[in-house]
Amino acid sequence: MSWLTSSWSDLGIVAAKAALMYGTALVGLRVAQRRTLAQWTIIDFAAAVAIGAIIGRTAVAQTQSYATGAVALLTIIGAHRLASLLRFQPLLGKPTDYRVRVLVADGQVRRGQLRRCGLTDNDLYAELRQRGVFDVSQVRFVLYEGKGGLTVVPRDVPSPTPLISEGLRSSVGYAPPGESGAAAPRR
């Protein structure tokens, strides 16, 4: 019956190791460029990978009991839920959520921002072509959203809408023109 149960001290160690691995994955994924994450947040990606590994290992490893796998799995799910709740706190959400980046401003490609996002000019141009934009001068803004998607604001939009304005204000590396104390956009 050792495949079904484990000692309480062993289960405590498993829970601690699972939580530490989850935290390590969050830090590693936060440091990595977000293009690897597609439309997932880092907390979702870390949880999905960890859950898959735990389920696979528990199912096939002869030396790991079901109880060990279950505790590890429930710890990851609990850590994911806690991280999800902490995202609603501005200070605590910053380490797990990417901020908006302005990749194009007034028809000018901001190559420094592309580089920070791990994107090339060709990545940007391919996305624009797929959206029917064939000249970057037709674009007022391209916002690289926190979950990896692009928002393209055409030049013919009379003025930024409230949602675009909020995206610009919350972006990193860009100061919207006309705001008091705002510096010129950084390339």
N, C-alpha and C. Protein backbone atom coordinates (compact mmCIF):
# COMPACT_ATOMS: atom_id res chain seq x y z
N MET A 1 0.80 -1.20 0.00
CA MET A 1 0.00 0.00 0.00
C MET A 1 0.84 1.27 0.00
N SER A 2 2.16 1.17 -0.07
CA SER A 2 3.00 2.36 -0.03
C SER A 2 2.78 3.26 -1.26
N TRP A 3 2.23 2.70 -2.31
CA TRP A 3 1.95 3.51 -3.50
C TRP A 3 0.77 4.46 -3.28
N LEU A 4 -0.02 4.24 -2.23
CA LEU A 4 -1.22 5.03 -1.99
C LEU A 4 -1.02 6.10 -0.92
N THR A 5 -0.09 5.92 -0.02
CA THR A 5 0.09 6.85 1.09
C THR A 5 1.56 7.23 1.25
N SER A 6 1.79 8.28 2.05
CA SER A 6 3.14 8.72 2.41
C SER A 6 3.07 9.30 3.81
N SER A 7 4.23 9.47 4.46
CA SER A 7 4.25 10.05 5.80
C SER A 7 3.95 11.55 5.71
N TRP A 8 3.46 12.11 6.83
CA TRP A 8 3.12 13.53 6.85
C TRP A 8 4.34 14.40 6.58
N SER A 9 5.50 14.01 7.09
CA SER A 9 6.70 14.83 6.85
C SER A 9 7.08 14.81 5.37
N ASP A 10 6.93 13.64 4.73
CA ASP A 10 7.20 13.57 3.29
C ASP A 10 6.23 14.45 2.50
N LEU A 11 4.96 14.46 2.89
CA LEU A 11 3.97 15.29 2.20
C LEU A 11 4.24 16.78 2.40
N GLY A 12 4.70 17.15 3.58
CA GLY A 12 5.07 18.55 3.83
C GLY A 12 6.22 18.99 2.96
N ILE A 13 7.21 18.11 2.80
CA ILE A 13 8.35 18.42 1.94
C ILE A 13 7.89 18.56 0.49
N VAL A 14 7.01 17.68 0.05
CA VAL A 14 6.48 17.75 -1.32
C VAL A 14 5.76 19.09 -1.53
N ALA A 15 4.92 19.49 -0.58
CA ALA A 15 4.18 20.75 -0.71
C ALA A 15 5.16 21.93 -0.78
N ALA A 16 6.17 21.92 0.07
CA ALA A 16 7.15 23.01 0.06
C ALA A 16 7.92 23.05 -1.26
N LYS A 17 8.35 21.87 -1.73
CA LYS A 17 9.07 21.82 -3.01
C LYS A 17 8.19 22.27 -4.17
N ALA A 18 6.92 21.87 -4.16
CA ALA A 18 6.00 22.27 -5.24
C ALA A 18 5.81 23.79 -5.23
N ALA A 19 5.63 24.37 -4.06
CA ALA A 19 5.46 25.83 -3.97
C ALA A 19 6.73 26.55 -4.42
N LEU A 20 7.88 26.03 -4.00
CA LEU A 20 9.15 26.64 -4.43
C LEU A 20 9.35 26.52 -5.94
N MET A 21 9.00 25.37 -6.51
CA MET A 21 9.12 25.21 -7.96
C MET A 21 8.19 26.16 -8.71
N TYR A 22 6.99 26.33 -8.19
CA TYR A 22 6.04 27.25 -8.80
C TYR A 22 6.60 28.68 -8.76
N GLY A 23 7.11 29.08 -7.61
CA GLY A 23 7.71 30.41 -7.48
C GLY A 23 8.91 30.58 -8.41
N THR A 24 9.73 29.55 -8.50
CA THR A 24 10.88 29.59 -9.39
C THR A 24 10.44 29.74 -10.84
N ALA A 25 9.40 29.00 -11.22
CA ALA A 25 8.87 29.11 -12.58
C ALA A 25 8.34 30.51 -12.85
N LEU A 26 7.65 31.11 -11.88
CA LEU A 26 7.13 32.47 -12.06
C LEU A 26 8.27 33.47 -12.27
N VAL A 27 9.30 33.38 -11.45
CA VAL A 27 10.44 34.30 -11.59
C VAL A 27 11.12 34.09 -12.94
N GLY A 28 11.38 32.84 -13.27
CA GLY A 28 12.04 32.55 -14.55
C GLY A 28 11.23 33.02 -15.74
N LEU A 29 9.92 32.79 -15.71
CA LEU A 29 9.07 33.21 -16.82
C LEU A 29 8.91 34.72 -16.87
N ARG A 30 8.95 35.38 -15.73
CA ARG A 30 8.84 36.84 -15.71
C ARG A 30 10.08 37.47 -16.30
N VAL A 31 11.23 36.88 -16.06
CA VAL A 31 12.48 37.39 -16.59
C VAL A 31 12.58 37.12 -18.09
N ALA A 32 12.02 36.02 -18.53
CA ALA A 32 12.07 35.65 -19.95
C ALA A 32 11.18 36.58 -20.77
N GLN A 33 11.43 36.60 -22.05
CA GLN A 33 10.61 37.44 -22.93
C GLN A 33 9.24 36.82 -23.08
N ARG A 34 8.24 37.66 -23.16
CA ARG A 34 6.87 37.16 -23.13
C ARG A 34 6.42 36.53 -24.43
N ARG A 35 7.16 36.64 -25.50
CA ARG A 35 6.71 36.04 -26.75
C ARG A 35 6.57 34.53 -26.63
N THR A 36 7.25 33.92 -25.67
CA THR A 36 7.13 32.48 -25.48
C THR A 36 5.80 32.10 -24.83
N LEU A 37 5.11 33.08 -24.28
CA LEU A 37 3.90 32.79 -23.53
C LEU A 37 2.63 32.92 -24.35
N ALA A 38 2.73 33.47 -25.54
CA ALA A 38 1.56 33.68 -26.40
C ALA A 38 0.50 34.46 -25.65
N GLN A 39 -0.69 33.91 -25.47
CA GLN A 39 -1.79 34.62 -24.84
C GLN A 39 -2.00 34.23 -23.39
N TRP A 40 -1.06 33.54 -22.78
CA TRP A 40 -1.19 33.15 -21.39
C TRP A 40 -0.44 34.13 -20.51
N THR A 41 -0.91 34.29 -19.27
CA THR A 41 -0.11 35.01 -18.29
C THR A 41 0.95 34.04 -17.77
N ILE A 42 1.98 34.58 -17.15
CA ILE A 42 3.03 33.68 -16.66
C ILE A 42 2.52 32.75 -15.57
N ILE A 43 1.55 33.22 -14.77
CA ILE A 43 1.04 32.34 -13.71
C ILE A 43 0.25 31.17 -14.30
N ASP A 44 -0.45 31.41 -15.41
CA ASP A 44 -1.19 30.33 -16.07
C ASP A 44 -0.23 29.32 -16.70
N PHE A 45 0.80 29.84 -17.36
CA PHE A 45 1.77 28.97 -18.02
C PHE A 45 2.50 28.11 -16.99
N ALA A 46 2.97 28.75 -15.92
CA ALA A 46 3.70 28.01 -14.88
C ALA A 46 2.83 26.92 -14.28
N ALA A 47 1.58 27.26 -14.00
CA ALA A 47 0.67 26.27 -13.42
C ALA A 47 0.41 25.12 -14.38
N ALA A 48 0.18 25.43 -15.66
CA ALA A 48 -0.10 24.38 -16.64
C ALA A 48 1.07 23.42 -16.79
N VAL A 49 2.28 23.96 -16.87
CA VAL A 49 3.46 23.11 -17.01
C VAL A 49 3.66 22.26 -15.76
N ALA A 50 3.54 22.89 -14.59
CA ALA A 50 3.73 22.16 -13.34
C ALA A 50 2.69 21.07 -13.17
N ILE A 51 1.45 21.39 -13.46
CA ILE A 51 0.38 20.40 -13.31
C ILE A 51 0.62 19.22 -14.26
N GLY A 52 1.01 19.51 -15.49
CA GLY A 52 1.31 18.43 -16.43
C GLY A 52 2.44 17.55 -15.96
N ALA A 53 3.48 18.18 -15.43
CA ALA A 53 4.63 17.40 -14.95
C ALA A 53 4.25 16.55 -13.74
N ILE A 54 3.49 17.12 -12.83
CA ILE A 54 3.09 16.37 -11.63
C ILE A 54 2.20 15.19 -12.00
N ILE A 55 1.24 15.45 -12.85
CA ILE A 55 0.33 14.36 -13.25
C ILE A 55 1.11 13.25 -13.96
N GLY A 56 1.99 13.63 -14.88
CA GLY A 56 2.78 12.63 -15.60
C GLY A 56 3.70 11.85 -14.68
N ARG A 57 4.38 12.54 -13.80
CA ARG A 57 5.32 11.86 -12.89
C ARG A 57 4.56 10.95 -11.93
N THR A 58 3.48 11.43 -11.38
CA THR A 58 2.72 10.62 -10.43
C THR A 58 2.17 9.37 -11.10
N ALA A 59 1.76 9.51 -12.33
CA ALA A 59 1.17 8.38 -13.03
C ALA A 59 2.19 7.30 -13.37
N VAL A 60 3.44 7.66 -13.65
CA VAL A 60 4.38 6.66 -14.16
C VAL A 60 5.54 6.33 -13.22
N ALA A 61 5.84 7.20 -12.26
CA ALA A 61 6.99 6.93 -11.38
C ALA A 61 6.63 5.92 -10.30
N GLN A 62 7.38 4.85 -10.24
CA GLN A 62 7.11 3.81 -9.26
C GLN A 62 7.44 4.26 -7.84
N THR A 63 8.33 5.22 -7.71
CA THR A 63 8.76 5.65 -6.38
C THR A 63 7.91 6.78 -5.81
N GLN A 64 6.96 7.29 -6.55
CA GLN A 64 6.13 8.40 -6.08
C GLN A 64 4.72 7.91 -5.80
N SER A 65 4.25 8.17 -4.59
CA SER A 65 2.90 7.73 -4.22
C SER A 65 1.86 8.69 -4.79
N TYR A 66 0.62 8.20 -4.80
CA TYR A 66 -0.49 9.05 -5.22
C TYR A 66 -0.63 10.25 -4.28
N ALA A 67 -0.49 10.02 -2.99
CA ALA A 67 -0.63 11.10 -2.01
C ALA A 67 0.40 12.20 -2.28
N THR A 68 1.62 11.81 -2.61
CA THR A 68 2.66 12.80 -2.94
C THR A 68 2.24 13.63 -4.15
N GLY A 69 1.80 12.97 -5.19
CA GLY A 69 1.36 13.68 -6.39
C GLY A 69 0.16 14.58 -6.12
N ALA A 70 -0.79 14.09 -5.33
CA ALA A 70 -1.99 14.86 -5.02
C ALA A 70 -1.64 16.11 -4.22
N VAL A 71 -0.76 15.97 -3.23
CA VAL A 71 -0.36 17.14 -2.44
C VAL A 71 0.36 18.15 -3.33
N ALA A 72 1.25 17.68 -4.18
CA ALA A 72 1.96 18.60 -5.09
C ALA A 72 0.97 19.30 -6.03
N LEU A 73 0.03 18.54 -6.57
CA LEU A 73 -0.95 19.09 -7.48
C LEU A 73 -1.84 20.13 -6.79
N LEU A 74 -2.33 19.79 -5.61
CA LEU A 74 -3.19 20.73 -4.88
C LEU A 74 -2.42 21.97 -4.43
N THR A 75 -1.14 21.81 -4.14
CA THR A 75 -0.31 22.96 -3.78
C THR A 75 -0.16 23.90 -4.96
N ILE A 76 0.10 23.36 -6.14
CA ILE A 76 0.22 24.20 -7.34
C ILE A 76 -1.10 24.91 -7.62
N ILE A 77 -2.20 24.20 -7.53
CA ILE A 77 -3.50 24.82 -7.77
C ILE A 77 -3.76 25.93 -6.75
N GLY A 78 -3.43 25.68 -5.50
CA GLY A 78 -3.59 26.71 -4.47
C GLY A 78 -2.68 27.91 -4.71
N ALA A 79 -1.43 27.65 -5.07
CA ALA A 79 -0.49 28.75 -5.36
C ALA A 79 -0.98 29.56 -6.56
N HIS A 80 -1.51 28.87 -7.56
CA HIS A 80 -2.04 29.57 -8.74
C HIS A 80 -3.23 30.46 -8.36
N ARG A 81 -4.11 29.93 -7.53
CA ARG A 81 -5.26 30.72 -7.10
C ARG A 81 -4.82 31.94 -6.30
N LEU A 82 -3.86 31.75 -5.41
CA LEU A 82 -3.34 32.87 -4.62
C LEU A 82 -2.69 33.92 -5.53
N ALA A 83 -1.86 33.47 -6.46
CA ALA A 83 -1.22 34.41 -7.40
C ALA A 83 -2.27 35.14 -8.23
N SER A 84 -3.34 34.45 -8.62
CA SER A 84 -4.42 35.09 -9.38
C SER A 84 -5.09 36.18 -8.56
N LEU A 85 -5.31 35.94 -7.28
CA LEU A 85 -5.93 36.94 -6.41
C LEU A 85 -5.00 38.11 -6.15
N LEU A 86 -3.71 37.84 -6.01
CA LEU A 86 -2.74 38.91 -5.74
C LEU A 86 -2.58 39.85 -6.93
N ARG A 87 -2.92 39.39 -8.13
CA ARG A 87 -2.83 40.24 -9.32
C ARG A 87 -3.72 41.47 -9.20
N PHE A 88 -4.76 41.42 -8.37
CA PHE A 88 -5.66 42.55 -8.21
C PHE A 88 -5.08 43.65 -7.32
N GLN A 89 -3.98 43.36 -6.66
CA GLN A 89 -3.28 44.36 -5.85
C GLN A 89 -2.21 44.99 -6.74
N PRO A 90 -2.29 46.31 -6.99
CA PRO A 90 -1.36 46.94 -7.94
C PRO A 90 0.11 46.60 -7.71
N LEU A 91 0.55 46.68 -6.48
CA LEU A 91 1.97 46.43 -6.21
C LEU A 91 2.33 44.96 -6.41
N LEU A 92 1.43 44.06 -6.04
CA LEU A 92 1.71 42.64 -6.14
C LEU A 92 1.46 42.09 -7.55
N GLY A 93 0.66 42.77 -8.35
CA GLY A 93 0.39 42.33 -9.71
C GLY A 93 1.53 42.61 -10.67
N LYS A 94 2.34 43.61 -10.37
CA LYS A 94 3.43 43.98 -11.29
C LYS A 94 4.42 42.86 -11.55
N PRO A 95 4.82 42.08 -10.55
CA PRO A 95 5.78 41.01 -10.84
C PRO A 95 5.23 39.90 -11.73
N THR A 96 3.91 39.72 -11.78
CA THR A 96 3.36 38.62 -12.56
C THR A 96 2.74 39.05 -13.88
N ASP A 97 2.44 40.33 -14.04
CA ASP A 97 1.77 40.80 -15.26
C ASP A 97 2.69 41.71 -16.05
N TYR A 98 2.69 41.51 -17.35
CA TYR A 98 3.42 42.41 -18.22
C TYR A 98 2.60 43.67 -18.42
N ARG A 99 3.30 44.77 -18.61
CA ARG A 99 2.62 46.03 -18.89
C ARG A 99 2.58 46.26 -20.39
N VAL A 100 1.70 47.14 -20.80
CA VAL A 100 1.58 47.49 -22.21
C VAL A 100 2.87 48.16 -22.68
N ARG A 101 3.26 47.86 -23.90
CA ARG A 101 4.40 48.52 -24.55
C ARG A 101 3.91 49.17 -25.83
N VAL A 102 4.39 50.37 -26.10
CA VAL A 102 4.05 51.08 -27.33
C VAL A 102 5.14 50.76 -28.35
N LEU A 103 4.77 49.97 -29.38
CA LEU A 103 5.75 49.55 -30.40
C LEU A 103 5.84 50.53 -31.56
N VAL A 104 4.73 51.21 -31.84
CA VAL A 104 4.70 52.23 -32.89
C VAL A 104 3.96 53.43 -32.32
N ALA A 105 4.54 54.61 -32.49
CA ALA A 105 3.89 55.85 -32.07
C ALA A 105 3.95 56.82 -33.24
N ASP A 106 2.79 57.27 -33.68
CA ASP A 106 2.68 58.22 -34.80
C ASP A 106 3.47 57.77 -36.02
N GLY A 107 3.31 56.51 -36.37
CA GLY A 107 3.93 55.98 -37.58
C GLY A 107 5.41 55.66 -37.46
N GLN A 108 5.99 55.83 -36.29
CA GLN A 108 7.42 55.57 -36.08
C GLN A 108 7.60 54.29 -35.27
N VAL A 109 8.34 53.35 -35.82
CA VAL A 109 8.62 52.11 -35.12
C VAL A 109 9.60 52.41 -33.98
N ARG A 110 9.28 51.93 -32.82
CA ARG A 110 10.11 52.13 -31.63
C ARG A 110 10.92 50.85 -31.40
N ARG A 111 12.07 50.78 -32.06
CA ARG A 111 12.87 49.56 -32.10
C ARG A 111 13.37 49.13 -30.73
N GLY A 112 13.64 50.08 -29.86
CA GLY A 112 14.05 49.73 -28.50
C GLY A 112 12.97 48.93 -27.78
N GLN A 113 11.72 49.32 -27.98
CA GLN A 113 10.61 48.59 -27.36
C GLN A 113 10.44 47.22 -28.01
N LEU A 114 10.60 47.16 -29.33
CA LEU A 114 10.54 45.85 -30.01
C LEU A 114 11.58 44.92 -29.39
N ARG A 115 12.79 45.42 -29.24
CA ARG A 115 13.89 44.60 -28.71
C ARG A 115 13.56 44.12 -27.29
N ARG A 116 13.02 45.02 -26.46
CA ARG A 116 12.67 44.64 -25.08
C ARG A 116 11.61 43.55 -25.05
N CYS A 117 10.80 43.48 -26.07
CA CYS A 117 9.74 42.47 -26.15
C CYS A 117 10.18 41.21 -26.89
N GLY A 118 11.42 41.21 -27.38
CA GLY A 118 11.92 40.04 -28.11
C GLY A 118 11.34 39.93 -29.51
N LEU A 119 10.93 41.06 -30.08
CA LEU A 119 10.33 41.08 -31.42
C LEU A 119 11.26 41.78 -32.40
N THR A 120 11.20 41.36 -33.64
CA THR A 120 11.96 42.01 -34.70
C THR A 120 11.02 42.89 -35.51
N ASP A 121 11.61 43.73 -36.35
CA ASP A 121 10.79 44.52 -37.28
C ASP A 121 9.91 43.59 -38.10
N ASN A 122 10.46 42.47 -38.55
CA ASN A 122 9.69 41.54 -39.38
C ASN A 122 8.50 40.94 -38.63
N ASP A 123 8.66 40.67 -37.34
CA ASP A 123 7.52 40.19 -36.53
C ASP A 123 6.40 41.23 -36.54
N LEU A 124 6.76 42.49 -36.32
CA LEU A 124 5.78 43.57 -36.30
C LEU A 124 5.13 43.73 -37.67
N TYR A 125 5.96 43.77 -38.72
CA TYR A 125 5.42 43.98 -40.07
C TYR A 125 4.50 42.84 -40.49
N ALA A 126 4.82 41.62 -40.11
CA ALA A 126 3.95 40.48 -40.44
C ALA A 126 2.59 40.64 -39.77
N GLU A 127 2.58 41.05 -38.51
CA GLU A 127 1.32 41.28 -37.80
C GLU A 127 0.51 42.39 -38.46
N LEU A 128 1.18 43.46 -38.85
CA LEU A 128 0.48 44.57 -39.49
C LEU A 128 -0.11 44.14 -40.84
N ARG A 129 0.67 43.41 -41.63
CA ARG A 129 0.17 42.94 -42.93
C ARG A 129 -1.05 42.04 -42.75
N GLN A 130 -1.01 41.17 -41.74
CA GLN A 130 -2.14 40.28 -41.50
C GLN A 130 -3.40 41.05 -41.10
N ARG A 131 -3.23 42.26 -40.63
CA ARG A 131 -4.37 43.10 -40.24
C ARG A 131 -4.74 44.10 -41.33
N GLY A 132 -4.13 43.95 -42.52
CA GLY A 132 -4.46 44.82 -43.64
C GLY A 132 -3.75 46.17 -43.62
N VAL A 133 -2.70 46.30 -42.84
CA VAL A 133 -1.91 47.54 -42.79
C VAL A 133 -0.64 47.29 -43.60
N PHE A 134 -0.45 48.10 -44.65
CA PHE A 134 0.68 47.89 -45.55
C PHE A 134 1.67 49.04 -45.55
N ASP A 135 1.44 50.02 -44.69
CA ASP A 135 2.36 51.14 -44.55
C ASP A 135 2.30 51.59 -43.09
N VAL A 136 3.42 51.52 -42.40
CA VAL A 136 3.44 51.84 -40.97
C VAL A 136 3.05 53.30 -40.72
N SER A 137 3.18 54.16 -41.72
CA SER A 137 2.78 55.55 -41.53
C SER A 137 1.25 55.70 -41.42
N GLN A 138 0.50 54.63 -41.75
CA GLN A 138 -0.96 54.63 -41.59
C GLN A 138 -1.38 54.38 -40.14
N VAL A 139 -0.40 54.13 -39.27
CA VAL A 139 -0.68 53.70 -37.90
C VAL A 139 -0.37 54.82 -36.92
N ARG A 140 -1.32 55.08 -36.03
CA ARG A 140 -1.08 56.05 -34.94
C ARG A 140 -0.31 55.35 -33.82
N PHE A 141 -0.81 54.18 -33.39
CA PHE A 141 -0.15 53.42 -32.33
C PHE A 141 -0.28 51.93 -32.61
N VAL A 142 0.74 51.18 -32.17
CA VAL A 142 0.63 49.74 -32.02
C VAL A 142 1.00 49.46 -30.58
N LEU A 143 0.04 48.88 -29.86
CA LEU A 143 0.25 48.54 -28.45
C LEU A 143 0.46 47.05 -28.33
N TYR A 144 1.51 46.66 -27.65
CA TYR A 144 1.77 45.26 -27.35
C TYR A 144 1.16 45.01 -25.98
N GLU A 145 0.06 44.31 -25.97
CA GLU A 145 -0.73 44.14 -24.76
C GLU A 145 -0.06 43.18 -23.78
N GLY A 146 -0.51 43.24 -22.55
CA GLY A 146 0.07 42.44 -21.48
C GLY A 146 0.02 40.94 -21.73
N LYS A 147 -0.97 40.47 -22.49
CA LYS A 147 -1.08 39.03 -22.77
C LYS A 147 -0.48 38.65 -24.11
N GLY A 148 0.23 39.59 -24.75
CA GLY A 148 0.96 39.26 -25.97
C GLY A 148 0.28 39.63 -27.27
N GLY A 149 -0.95 40.10 -27.23
CA GLY A 149 -1.65 40.50 -28.45
C GLY A 149 -1.29 41.92 -28.84
N LEU A 150 -1.60 42.27 -30.08
CA LEU A 150 -1.35 43.62 -30.57
C LEU A 150 -2.68 44.36 -30.75
N THR A 151 -2.66 45.64 -30.40
CA THR A 151 -3.76 46.54 -30.72
C THR A 151 -3.21 47.56 -31.70
N VAL A 152 -3.81 47.64 -32.88
CA VAL A 152 -3.38 48.58 -33.92
C VAL A 152 -4.40 49.70 -33.98
N VAL A 153 -3.93 50.93 -33.75
CA VAL A 153 -4.79 52.11 -33.81
C VAL A 153 -4.46 52.85 -35.10
N PRO A 154 -5.38 52.86 -36.06
CA PRO A 154 -5.12 53.55 -37.32
C PRO A 154 -4.95 55.06 -37.13
N ARG A 155 -4.21 55.68 -38.03
CA ARG A 155 -3.98 57.12 -37.97
C ARG A 155 -5.29 57.91 -38.11
N ASP A 156 -6.25 57.37 -38.83
CA ASP A 156 -7.49 58.12 -39.07
C ASP A 156 -8.46 58.13 -37.88
N VAL A 157 -8.10 57.51 -36.78
CA VAL A 157 -8.91 57.63 -35.57
C VAL A 157 -8.71 59.06 -35.07
N PRO A 158 -9.80 59.86 -34.92
CA PRO A 158 -9.66 61.28 -34.63
C PRO A 158 -8.82 61.59 -33.38
N SER A 159 -9.06 60.91 -32.30
CA SER A 159 -8.25 61.07 -31.10
C SER A 159 -8.30 59.76 -30.35
N PRO A 160 -7.29 59.49 -29.55
CA PRO A 160 -7.33 58.21 -28.83
C PRO A 160 -8.59 58.11 -27.97
N THR A 161 -9.20 56.96 -28.02
CA THR A 161 -10.38 56.68 -27.21
C THR A 161 -9.96 56.51 -25.76
N PRO A 162 -10.93 56.48 -24.84
CA PRO A 162 -10.56 56.29 -23.43
C PRO A 162 -9.74 55.01 -23.18
N LEU A 163 -10.08 53.93 -23.88
CA LEU A 163 -9.32 52.68 -23.67
C LEU A 163 -7.89 52.79 -24.20
N ILE A 164 -7.73 53.44 -25.36
CA ILE A 164 -6.38 53.64 -25.90
C ILE A 164 -5.60 54.58 -24.98
N SER A 165 -6.23 55.65 -24.53
CA SER A 165 -5.55 56.59 -23.62
C SER A 165 -5.10 55.88 -22.35
N GLU A 166 -5.95 55.02 -21.82
CA GLU A 166 -5.58 54.27 -20.61
C GLU A 166 -4.40 53.34 -20.90
N GLY A 167 -4.42 52.68 -22.05
CA GLY A 167 -3.29 51.83 -22.43
C GLY A 167 -2.00 52.60 -22.54
N LEU A 168 -2.07 53.79 -23.11
CA LEU A 168 -0.87 54.63 -23.23
C LEU A 168 -0.38 55.09 -21.86
N ARG A 169 -1.31 55.49 -21.00
CA ARG A 169 -0.92 55.94 -19.65
C ARG A 169 -0.30 54.82 -18.83
N SER A 170 -0.81 53.61 -18.99
CA SER A 170 -0.30 52.50 -18.18
C SER A 170 0.89 51.80 -18.81
N SER A 171 1.30 52.25 -19.99
CA SER A 171 2.41 51.59 -20.68
C SER A 171 3.73 51.90 -19.99
N VAL A 172 4.70 51.09 -20.29
CA VAL A 172 6.04 51.30 -19.77
C VAL A 172 6.91 51.77 -20.93
N GLY A 173 7.76 52.75 -20.67
CA GLY A 173 8.67 53.24 -21.71
C GLY A 173 8.05 54.24 -22.66
N TYR A 174 6.87 54.80 -22.32
CA TYR A 174 6.23 55.78 -23.19
C TYR A 174 5.48 56.79 -22.33
N ALA A 175 5.70 58.06 -22.62
CA ALA A 175 4.97 59.12 -21.93
C ALA A 175 4.07 59.79 -22.96
N PRO A 176 2.76 59.67 -22.81
CA PRO A 176 1.85 60.29 -23.77
C PRO A 176 2.08 61.79 -23.85
N PRO A 177 2.14 62.34 -25.07
CA PRO A 177 2.36 63.78 -25.21
C PRO A 177 1.20 64.57 -24.60
N GLY A 178 1.53 65.72 -24.05
CA GLY A 178 0.50 66.60 -23.54
C GLY A 178 0.18 66.39 -22.07
N GLU A 179 0.69 65.33 -21.45
CA GLU A 179 0.45 65.15 -20.02
C GLU A 179 1.47 65.96 -19.25
N SER A 180 1.02 66.57 -18.16
CA SER A 180 1.91 67.43 -17.39
C SER A 180 3.11 66.64 -16.90
N GLY A 181 4.28 67.22 -17.15
CA GLY A 181 5.51 66.58 -16.74
C GLY A 181 5.92 65.41 -17.61
N ALA A 182 5.19 65.16 -18.67
CA ALA A 182 5.50 64.01 -19.52
C ALA A 182 6.70 64.31 -20.39
N ALA A 183 7.56 63.35 -20.49
CA ALA A 183 8.74 63.47 -21.34
C ALA A 183 8.38 62.98 -22.74
N ALA A 184 9.26 63.23 -23.66
CA ALA A 184 9.06 62.74 -25.03
C ALA A 184 9.13 61.22 -25.02
N PRO A 185 8.44 60.58 -25.97
CA PRO A 185 8.49 59.12 -26.03
C PRO A 185 9.91 58.62 -26.18
N ARG A 186 10.24 57.57 -25.46
CA ARG A 186 11.56 56.95 -25.60
C ARG A 186 11.50 55.87 -26.65
N ARG A 187 12.48 55.83 -27.48
CA ARG A 187 12.53 54.87 -28.57
C ARG A 187 13.16 53.63 -28.07
